[in-house]
C-alpha atoms as a PDB file:
ATOM      1  CA  MET A   1       8.637   2.875  21.375  1.00  0.00           C
ATOM      2  CA  GLN A   2       5.362   0.999  21.923  1.00  0.00           C
ATOM      3  CA  ALA A   3       3.305   3.905  20.541  1.00  0.00           C
ATOM      4  CA  ARG A   4       5.485   4.028  17.436  1.00  0.00           C
ATOM      5  CA  THR A   5       5.092   0.296  16.877  1.00  0.00           C
ATOM      6  CA  ASN A   6       1.323   0.524  17.288  1.00  0.00           C
ATOM      7  CA  ALA A   7       1.209   3.384  14.790  1.00  0.00           C
ATOM      8  CA  GLU A   8       3.250   1.389  12.305  1.00  0.00           C
ATOM      9  CA  VAL A   9       1.004  -1.653  12.722  1.00  0.00           C
ATOM     10  CA  ALA A  10      -2.077   0.544  12.263  1.00  0.00           C
ATOM     11  CA  THR A  11      -0.593   2.008   9.080  1.00  0.00           C
ATOM     12  CA  LEU A  12       0.171  -1.452   7.710  1.00  0.00           C
ATOM     13  CA  ARG A  13      -3.361  -2.635   8.512  1.00  0.00           C
ATOM     14  CA  GLN A  14      -4.812   0.394   6.794  1.00  0.00           C
ATOM     15  CA  GLY A  15      -2.532  -0.180   3.802  1.00  0.00           C
ATOM     16  CA  ARG A  16      -3.623  -3.800   3.505  1.00  0.00           C
ATOM     17  CA  THR A  17      -7.294  -2.888   3.746  1.00  0.00           C
ATOM     18  CA  LEU A  18      -6.960  -0.187   1.106  1.00  0.00           C
ATOM     19  CA  PHE A  19      -4.896  -2.419  -1.177  1.00  0.00           C
ATOM     20  CA  VAL A  20      -7.361  -5.293  -0.970  1.00  0.00           C
ATOM     21  CA  HIS A  21     -10.549  -3.261  -1.234  1.00  0.00           C
ATOM     22  CA  ARG A  22      -9.668  -0.308  -3.443  1.00  0.00           C
ATOM     23  CA  CYS A  23      -7.193  -1.735  -5.928  1.00  0.00           C
ATOM     24  CA  ILE A  24      -9.409  -4.678  -6.807  1.00  0.00           C
ATOM     25  CA  GLU A  25     -12.159  -2.297  -7.913  1.00  0.00           C
ATOM     26  CA  CYS A  26     -10.288  -1.816 -11.215  1.00  0.00           C
ATOM     27  CA  HIS A  27      -8.083  -4.897 -11.655  1.00  0.00           C
ATOM     28  CA  THR A  28      -6.854  -8.096 -10.077  1.00  0.00           C
ATOM     29  CA  LEU A  29      -4.284  -7.706  -7.350  1.00  0.00           C
ATOM     30  CA  PRO A  30      -0.763  -7.994  -8.721  1.00  0.00           C
ATOM     31  CA  PRO A  31       1.791 -10.185  -6.984  1.00  0.00           C
ATOM     32  CA  PHE A  32       4.016  -8.049  -4.783  1.00  0.00           C
ATOM     33  CA  TRP A  33       7.155  -9.361  -6.449  1.00  0.00           C
ATOM     34  CA  HIS A  34       5.866  -8.595  -9.972  1.00  0.00           C
ATOM     35  CA  TYR A  35       7.434  -5.129  -9.719  1.00  0.00           C
ATOM     36  CA  ARG A  36      10.627  -3.923  -8.074  1.00  0.00           C
ATOM     37  CA  ALA A  37      10.300  -2.386  -4.611  1.00  0.00           C
ATOM     38  CA  GLU A  38      11.439   0.986  -5.916  1.00  0.00           C
ATOM     39  CA  ASP A  39       8.698   0.923  -8.594  1.00  0.00           C
ATOM     40  CA  TRP A  40       5.759   0.543  -6.200  1.00  0.00           C
ATOM     41  CA  PRO A  41       5.568   4.173  -4.981  1.00  0.00           C
ATOM     42  CA  HIS A  42       5.236   5.409  -8.569  1.00  0.00           C
ATOM     43  CA  ILE A  43       2.742   2.679  -9.486  1.00  0.00           C
ATOM     44  CA  ILE A  44       0.506   3.498  -6.528  1.00  0.00           C
ATOM     45  CA  ASP A  45       0.862   7.222  -7.186  1.00  0.00           C
ATOM     46  CA  THR A  46      -0.244   6.886 -10.814  1.00  0.00           C
ATOM     47  CA  MET A  47      -3.342   4.915  -9.833  1.00  0.00           C
ATOM     48  CA  SER A  48      -4.245   6.982  -6.789  1.00  0.00           C
ATOM     49  CA  HIS A  49      -6.368   9.507  -8.667  1.00  0.00           C
ATOM     50  CA  ARG A  50      -8.638   6.829 -10.109  1.00  0.00           C
ATOM     51  CA  ALA A  51      -8.924   5.173  -6.694  1.00  0.00           C
ATOM     52  CA  ASN A  52      -9.505   8.553  -5.024  1.00  0.00           C
ATOM     53  CA  LEU A  53      -6.695   7.971  -2.525  1.00  0.00           C
ATOM     54  CA  ARG A  54      -5.407  10.645  -0.178  1.00  0.00           C
ATOM     55  CA  PRO A  55      -1.633  11.003   0.251  1.00  0.00           C
ATOM     56  CA  ALA A  56      -1.813   9.164   3.602  1.00  0.00           C
ATOM     57  CA  ASP A  57      -3.689   6.321   1.900  1.00  0.00           C
ATOM     58  CA  ARG A  58      -1.025   6.056  -0.792  1.00  0.00           C
ATOM     59  CA  ASP A  59       1.708   6.027   1.840  1.00  0.00           C
ATOM     60  CA  ALA A  60      -0.072   3.289   3.804  1.00  0.00           C
ATOM     61  CA  ILE A  61      -0.476   1.089   0.720  1.00  0.00           C
ATOM     62  CA  VAL A  62       3.174   1.497  -0.246  1.00  0.00           C
ATOM     63  CA  ALA A  63       4.280   0.783   3.331  1.00  0.00           C
ATOM     64  CA  TYR A  64       2.173  -2.393   3.363  1.00  0.00           C
ATOM     65  CA  ILE A  65       3.499  -3.621   0.011  1.00  0.00           C
ATOM     66  CA  LEU A  66       7.116  -2.956   0.953  1.00  0.00           C
ATOM     67  CA  ALA A  67       6.676  -4.629   4.350  1.00  0.00           C
ATOM     68  CA  VAL A  68       5.265  -7.752   2.721  1.00  0.00           C
ATOM     69  CA  ARG A  69       8.056  -7.806   0.140  1.00  0.00           C
ATOM     70  CA  ALA A  70      10.640  -7.581   2.932  1.00  0.00           C
ATOM     71  CA  GLN A  71       9.410 -10.811   4.524  1.00  0.00           C
END
């Protein structure tokens, strides 16, 4: 269980780093609550080409956004 938790924390850290550094290259960072949770995967997917994100990067960003929204 510890390894899984560490992996999840690493993914969330990566997602935060990518969100903060890559998304801001084109626009200001939107508030997490500005869009519904179910909209975020599509939003990130549509912008991923411009940001040159790999699928794992997209997944990490979405995981980070959804984790923050759940707090």
